[in-house]
Amino acid sequence: MASKESNRTSGRGFASMDPDRQRQIASKGGESVPADKRSFSKNPELAAEAGRKGGRSVPASSRSFSKNPSLAAEAGRKGGQASHGGRTADRPAGGD
């Protein structure tokens, strides 16, 4: 009979680490990024400028949403359904 250990694939990697070690590594997230560039939530002007810069990098002729508002609306609906599990105001999650 096979042992439980034989069901593991390699015993390597983040998922196989001790939970305390995982927390220690995860807590370091973002430390390599300078504080002034770390978060758009702390600097809305920086976020706005990044958005403008990104928008300028795409030629107007290639901006499909600006040429087709119904395509943009459909994409927004799909995004909302994906992030909210398809719930609507009149049909909350878990309700039948």
N, C-alpha and C. Protein backbone atom coordinates (compact mmCIF):
# COMPACT_ATOMS: atom_id res chain seq x y z
N MET A 1 0.84 -1.19 0.00
CA MET A 1 0.00 0.00 0.00
C MET A 1 0.88 1.24 0.00
N ALA A 2 0.51 2.24 -0.79
CA ALA A 2 1.31 3.46 -0.91
C ALA A 2 1.10 4.36 0.29
N SER A 3 2.16 5.06 0.67
CA SER A 3 2.05 5.99 1.78
C SER A 3 1.50 7.32 1.28
N LYS A 4 1.08 8.18 2.21
CA LYS A 4 0.57 9.50 1.84
C LYS A 4 1.66 10.33 1.17
N GLU A 5 2.91 10.12 1.55
CA GLU A 5 4.00 10.88 0.97
C GLU A 5 4.14 10.63 -0.53
N SER A 6 3.78 9.44 -1.01
CA SER A 6 3.93 9.14 -2.42
C SER A 6 2.94 9.92 -3.29
N ASN A 7 1.89 10.49 -2.69
CA ASN A 7 0.92 11.29 -3.43
C ASN A 7 1.45 12.69 -3.75
N ARG A 8 2.47 13.14 -3.06
CA ARG A 8 3.04 14.46 -3.32
C ARG A 8 3.86 14.40 -4.59
N THR A 9 3.88 15.50 -5.31
CA THR A 9 4.60 15.50 -6.57
C THR A 9 6.10 15.71 -6.39
N SER A 10 6.52 16.67 -5.54
CA SER A 10 7.95 16.89 -5.43
C SER A 10 8.39 17.31 -4.03
N GLY A 11 7.50 17.88 -3.24
CA GLY A 11 7.91 18.38 -1.94
C GLY A 11 8.68 19.68 -2.03
N ARG A 12 8.73 20.27 -3.23
CA ARG A 12 9.43 21.53 -3.42
C ARG A 12 8.43 22.63 -3.69
N GLY A 13 8.88 23.86 -3.55
CA GLY A 13 8.04 24.99 -3.90
C GLY A 13 7.29 25.60 -2.73
N PHE A 14 6.67 26.73 -3.03
CA PHE A 14 5.99 27.53 -2.01
C PHE A 14 4.87 26.76 -1.32
N ALA A 15 4.07 26.02 -2.09
CA ALA A 15 2.91 25.32 -1.53
C ALA A 15 3.31 24.24 -0.53
N SER A 16 4.49 23.69 -0.68
CA SER A 16 4.89 22.61 0.22
C SER A 16 5.64 23.11 1.45
N MET A 17 5.84 24.42 1.53
CA MET A 17 6.56 25.00 2.67
C MET A 17 5.70 25.03 3.92
N ASP A 18 6.38 25.13 5.03
CA ASP A 18 5.73 25.31 6.32
C ASP A 18 4.93 26.62 6.27
N PRO A 19 3.70 26.65 6.81
CA PRO A 19 2.88 27.87 6.76
C PRO A 19 3.57 29.11 7.34
N ASP A 20 4.37 28.95 8.39
CA ASP A 20 5.07 30.10 8.96
C ASP A 20 6.10 30.65 7.97
N ARG A 21 6.77 29.77 7.26
CA ARG A 21 7.75 30.20 6.25
C ARG A 21 7.03 30.90 5.09
N GLN A 22 5.87 30.39 4.69
CA GLN A 22 5.08 31.04 3.63
C GLN A 22 4.71 32.46 4.05
N ARG A 23 4.26 32.62 5.29
CA ARG A 23 3.88 33.95 5.78
C ARG A 23 5.07 34.89 5.79
N GLN A 24 6.23 34.36 6.22
CA GLN A 24 7.44 35.17 6.27
C GLN A 24 7.81 35.69 4.87
N ILE A 25 7.74 34.83 3.89
CA ILE A 25 8.06 35.22 2.52
C ILE A 25 7.00 36.18 1.97
N ALA A 26 5.73 35.87 2.18
CA ALA A 26 4.64 36.70 1.66
C ALA A 26 4.66 38.10 2.26
N SER A 27 5.08 38.23 3.50
CA SER A 27 5.10 39.54 4.16
C SER A 27 6.11 40.49 3.53
N LYS A 28 7.03 39.95 2.75
CA LYS A 28 8.04 40.79 2.11
C LYS A 28 7.58 41.35 0.78
N GLY A 29 6.38 41.04 0.35
CA GLY A 29 5.88 41.51 -0.94
C GLY A 29 5.94 43.01 -1.07
N GLY A 30 6.49 43.47 -2.17
CA GLY A 30 6.56 44.90 -2.45
C GLY A 30 7.73 45.63 -1.83
N GLU A 31 8.52 44.97 -1.02
CA GLU A 31 9.63 45.65 -0.36
C GLU A 31 10.69 46.12 -1.35
N SER A 32 10.80 45.47 -2.49
CA SER A 32 11.83 45.85 -3.44
C SER A 32 11.44 47.09 -4.25
N VAL A 33 10.18 47.49 -4.15
CA VAL A 33 9.70 48.67 -4.87
C VAL A 33 9.85 49.89 -3.96
N PRO A 34 10.43 50.98 -4.47
CA PRO A 34 10.57 52.18 -3.63
C PRO A 34 9.21 52.67 -3.13
N ALA A 35 9.17 53.18 -1.94
CA ALA A 35 7.91 53.61 -1.32
C ALA A 35 7.16 54.63 -2.17
N ASP A 36 7.89 55.52 -2.86
CA ASP A 36 7.21 56.55 -3.64
C ASP A 36 6.56 55.99 -4.90
N LYS A 37 6.89 54.75 -5.25
CA LYS A 37 6.29 54.13 -6.43
C LYS A 37 5.45 52.90 -6.08
N ARG A 38 5.24 52.66 -4.80
CA ARG A 38 4.64 51.41 -4.36
C ARG A 38 3.14 51.31 -4.62
N SER A 39 2.41 52.38 -4.45
CA SER A 39 0.96 52.21 -4.51
C SER A 39 0.27 53.40 -5.14
N PHE A 40 -0.54 53.11 -6.13
CA PHE A 40 -1.35 54.17 -6.73
C PHE A 40 -2.41 54.65 -5.74
N SER A 41 -2.82 53.79 -4.82
CA SER A 41 -3.86 54.20 -3.88
C SER A 41 -3.38 55.32 -2.96
N LYS A 42 -2.07 55.44 -2.78
CA LYS A 42 -1.53 56.50 -1.93
C LYS A 42 -1.28 57.78 -2.72
N ASN A 43 -1.29 57.67 -4.06
CA ASN A 43 -0.98 58.82 -4.88
C ASN A 43 -1.86 58.81 -6.13
N PRO A 44 -3.06 59.36 -6.04
CA PRO A 44 -3.98 59.35 -7.18
C PRO A 44 -3.42 60.08 -8.41
N GLU A 45 -2.60 61.11 -8.20
CA GLU A 45 -2.02 61.82 -9.33
C GLU A 45 -1.09 60.90 -10.12
N LEU A 46 -0.31 60.08 -9.41
CA LEU A 46 0.58 59.13 -10.06
C LEU A 46 -0.23 58.11 -10.86
N ALA A 47 -1.33 57.65 -10.29
CA ALA A 47 -2.20 56.69 -10.99
C ALA A 47 -2.81 57.31 -12.24
N ALA A 48 -3.26 58.55 -12.12
CA ALA A 48 -3.86 59.22 -13.27
C ALA A 48 -2.84 59.41 -14.39
N GLU A 49 -1.64 59.81 -14.02
CA GLU A 49 -0.60 60.00 -15.03
C GLU A 49 -0.24 58.68 -15.70
N ALA A 50 -0.18 57.60 -14.94
CA ALA A 50 0.11 56.29 -15.52
C ALA A 50 -0.99 55.89 -16.51
N GLY A 51 -2.23 56.17 -16.17
CA GLY A 51 -3.34 55.87 -17.07
C GLY A 51 -3.27 56.68 -18.35
N ARG A 52 -2.95 57.96 -18.21
CA ARG A 52 -2.80 58.80 -19.40
C ARG A 52 -1.65 58.32 -20.27
N LYS A 53 -0.54 57.96 -19.63
CA LYS A 53 0.63 57.49 -20.37
C LYS A 53 0.28 56.21 -21.13
N GLY A 54 -0.42 55.31 -20.48
CA GLY A 54 -0.83 54.08 -21.14
C GLY A 54 -1.77 54.34 -22.30
N GLY A 55 -2.68 55.26 -22.13
CA GLY A 55 -3.61 55.60 -23.19
C GLY A 55 -2.92 56.23 -24.39
N ARG A 56 -1.91 57.03 -24.12
CA ARG A 56 -1.17 57.68 -25.21
C ARG A 56 -0.34 56.68 -26.01
N SER A 57 0.00 55.55 -25.40
CA SER A 57 0.86 54.58 -26.08
C SER A 57 0.12 53.79 -27.16
N VAL A 58 -1.21 53.88 -27.17
CA VAL A 58 -2.01 53.18 -28.17
C VAL A 58 -2.55 54.19 -29.17
N PRO A 59 -2.28 53.99 -30.45
CA PRO A 59 -2.80 54.94 -31.45
C PRO A 59 -4.33 55.00 -31.43
N ALA A 60 -4.87 56.16 -31.69
CA ALA A 60 -6.33 56.35 -31.66
C ALA A 60 -7.04 55.36 -32.57
N SER A 61 -6.42 55.03 -33.69
CA SER A 61 -7.06 54.10 -34.63
C SER A 61 -7.16 52.68 -34.07
N SER A 62 -6.38 52.40 -33.01
CA SER A 62 -6.40 51.05 -32.43
C SER A 62 -7.21 50.96 -31.14
N ARG A 63 -7.78 52.05 -30.72
CA ARG A 63 -8.57 52.07 -29.47
C ARG A 63 -9.99 51.63 -29.77
N SER A 64 -10.22 50.35 -29.71
CA SER A 64 -11.51 49.81 -30.12
C SER A 64 -12.67 50.31 -29.24
N PHE A 65 -12.43 50.54 -27.96
CA PHE A 65 -13.52 51.00 -27.12
C PHE A 65 -13.93 52.42 -27.48
N SER A 66 -12.98 53.25 -27.87
CA SER A 66 -13.34 54.63 -28.23
C SER A 66 -14.12 54.67 -29.54
N LYS A 67 -13.91 53.69 -30.39
CA LYS A 67 -14.62 53.63 -31.66
C LYS A 67 -15.95 52.89 -31.53
N ASN A 68 -16.09 52.07 -30.49
CA ASN A 68 -17.27 51.22 -30.38
C ASN A 68 -17.74 51.17 -28.92
N PRO A 69 -18.55 52.16 -28.50
CA PRO A 69 -19.01 52.21 -27.10
C PRO A 69 -19.79 50.97 -26.67
N SER A 70 -20.51 50.33 -27.57
CA SER A 70 -21.26 49.13 -27.17
C SER A 70 -20.30 47.98 -26.83
N LEU A 71 -19.15 47.94 -27.49
CA LEU A 71 -18.13 46.95 -27.16
C LEU A 71 -17.60 47.19 -25.75
N ALA A 72 -17.39 48.46 -25.42
CA ALA A 72 -16.93 48.82 -24.08
C ALA A 72 -17.97 48.44 -23.03
N ALA A 73 -19.23 48.69 -23.32
CA ALA A 73 -20.30 48.36 -22.37
C ALA A 73 -20.37 46.85 -22.14
N GLU A 74 -20.25 46.09 -23.21
CA GLU A 74 -20.29 44.64 -23.10
C GLU A 74 -19.11 44.12 -22.26
N ALA A 75 -17.92 44.70 -22.49
CA ALA A 75 -16.75 44.30 -21.72
C ALA A 75 -16.95 44.61 -20.24
N GLY A 76 -17.55 45.76 -19.95
CA GLY A 76 -17.83 46.13 -18.57
C GLY A 76 -18.79 45.16 -17.90
N ARG A 77 -19.83 44.76 -18.65
CA ARG A 77 -20.77 43.78 -18.09
C ARG A 77 -20.09 42.46 -17.80
N LYS A 78 -19.25 42.01 -18.73
CA LYS A 78 -18.55 40.75 -18.53
C LYS A 78 -17.63 40.83 -17.32
N GLY A 79 -16.94 41.95 -17.17
CA GLY A 79 -16.06 42.13 -16.02
C GLY A 79 -16.84 42.11 -14.72
N GLY A 80 -17.98 42.76 -14.70
CA GLY A 80 -18.82 42.76 -13.50
C GLY A 80 -19.33 41.39 -13.16
N GLN A 81 -19.72 40.65 -14.18
CA GLN A 81 -20.21 39.29 -13.94
C GLN A 81 -19.08 38.40 -13.41
N ALA A 82 -17.90 38.56 -13.96
CA ALA A 82 -16.77 37.75 -13.52
C ALA A 82 -16.38 38.08 -12.08
N SER A 83 -16.36 39.36 -11.74
CA SER A 83 -15.91 39.74 -10.40
C SER A 83 -16.98 39.57 -9.33
N HIS A 84 -18.24 39.51 -9.74
CA HIS A 84 -19.32 39.38 -8.76
C HIS A 84 -20.05 38.05 -8.88
N GLY A 85 -19.51 37.13 -9.63
CA GLY A 85 -20.12 35.81 -9.76
C GLY A 85 -21.46 35.83 -10.46
N GLY A 86 -21.74 36.81 -11.28
CA GLY A 86 -23.00 36.86 -12.00
C GLY A 86 -24.17 37.34 -11.16
N ARG A 87 -23.88 37.84 -9.96
CA ARG A 87 -24.96 38.33 -9.09
C ARG A 87 -25.48 39.66 -9.59
N THR A 88 -26.73 39.90 -9.36
CA THR A 88 -27.33 41.20 -9.68
C THR A 88 -27.98 41.73 -8.43
N ALA A 89 -28.40 42.99 -8.47
CA ALA A 89 -29.02 43.61 -7.29
C ALA A 89 -30.29 42.88 -6.88
N ASP A 90 -31.05 42.34 -7.86
CA ASP A 90 -32.30 41.67 -7.52
C ASP A 90 -32.08 40.18 -7.26
N ARG A 91 -30.86 39.70 -7.43
CA ARG A 91 -30.60 38.28 -7.18
C ARG A 91 -29.28 38.12 -6.43
N PRO A 92 -29.27 38.34 -5.10
CA PRO A 92 -28.04 38.25 -4.34
C PRO A 92 -27.50 36.82 -4.30
N ALA A 93 -26.22 36.69 -3.99
CA ALA A 93 -25.59 35.37 -3.90
C ALA A 93 -26.24 34.55 -2.82
N GLY A 94 -26.41 33.27 -3.09
CA GLY A 94 -26.97 32.35 -2.12
C GLY A 94 -28.49 32.38 -2.02
N GLY A 95 -29.13 33.33 -2.65
CA GLY A 95 -30.59 33.40 -2.60
C GLY A 95 -31.24 32.68 -3.75
N ASP A 96 -32.34 32.03 -3.50
CA ASP A 96 -33.06 31.33 -4.57
C ASP A 96 -34.40 31.96 -4.83
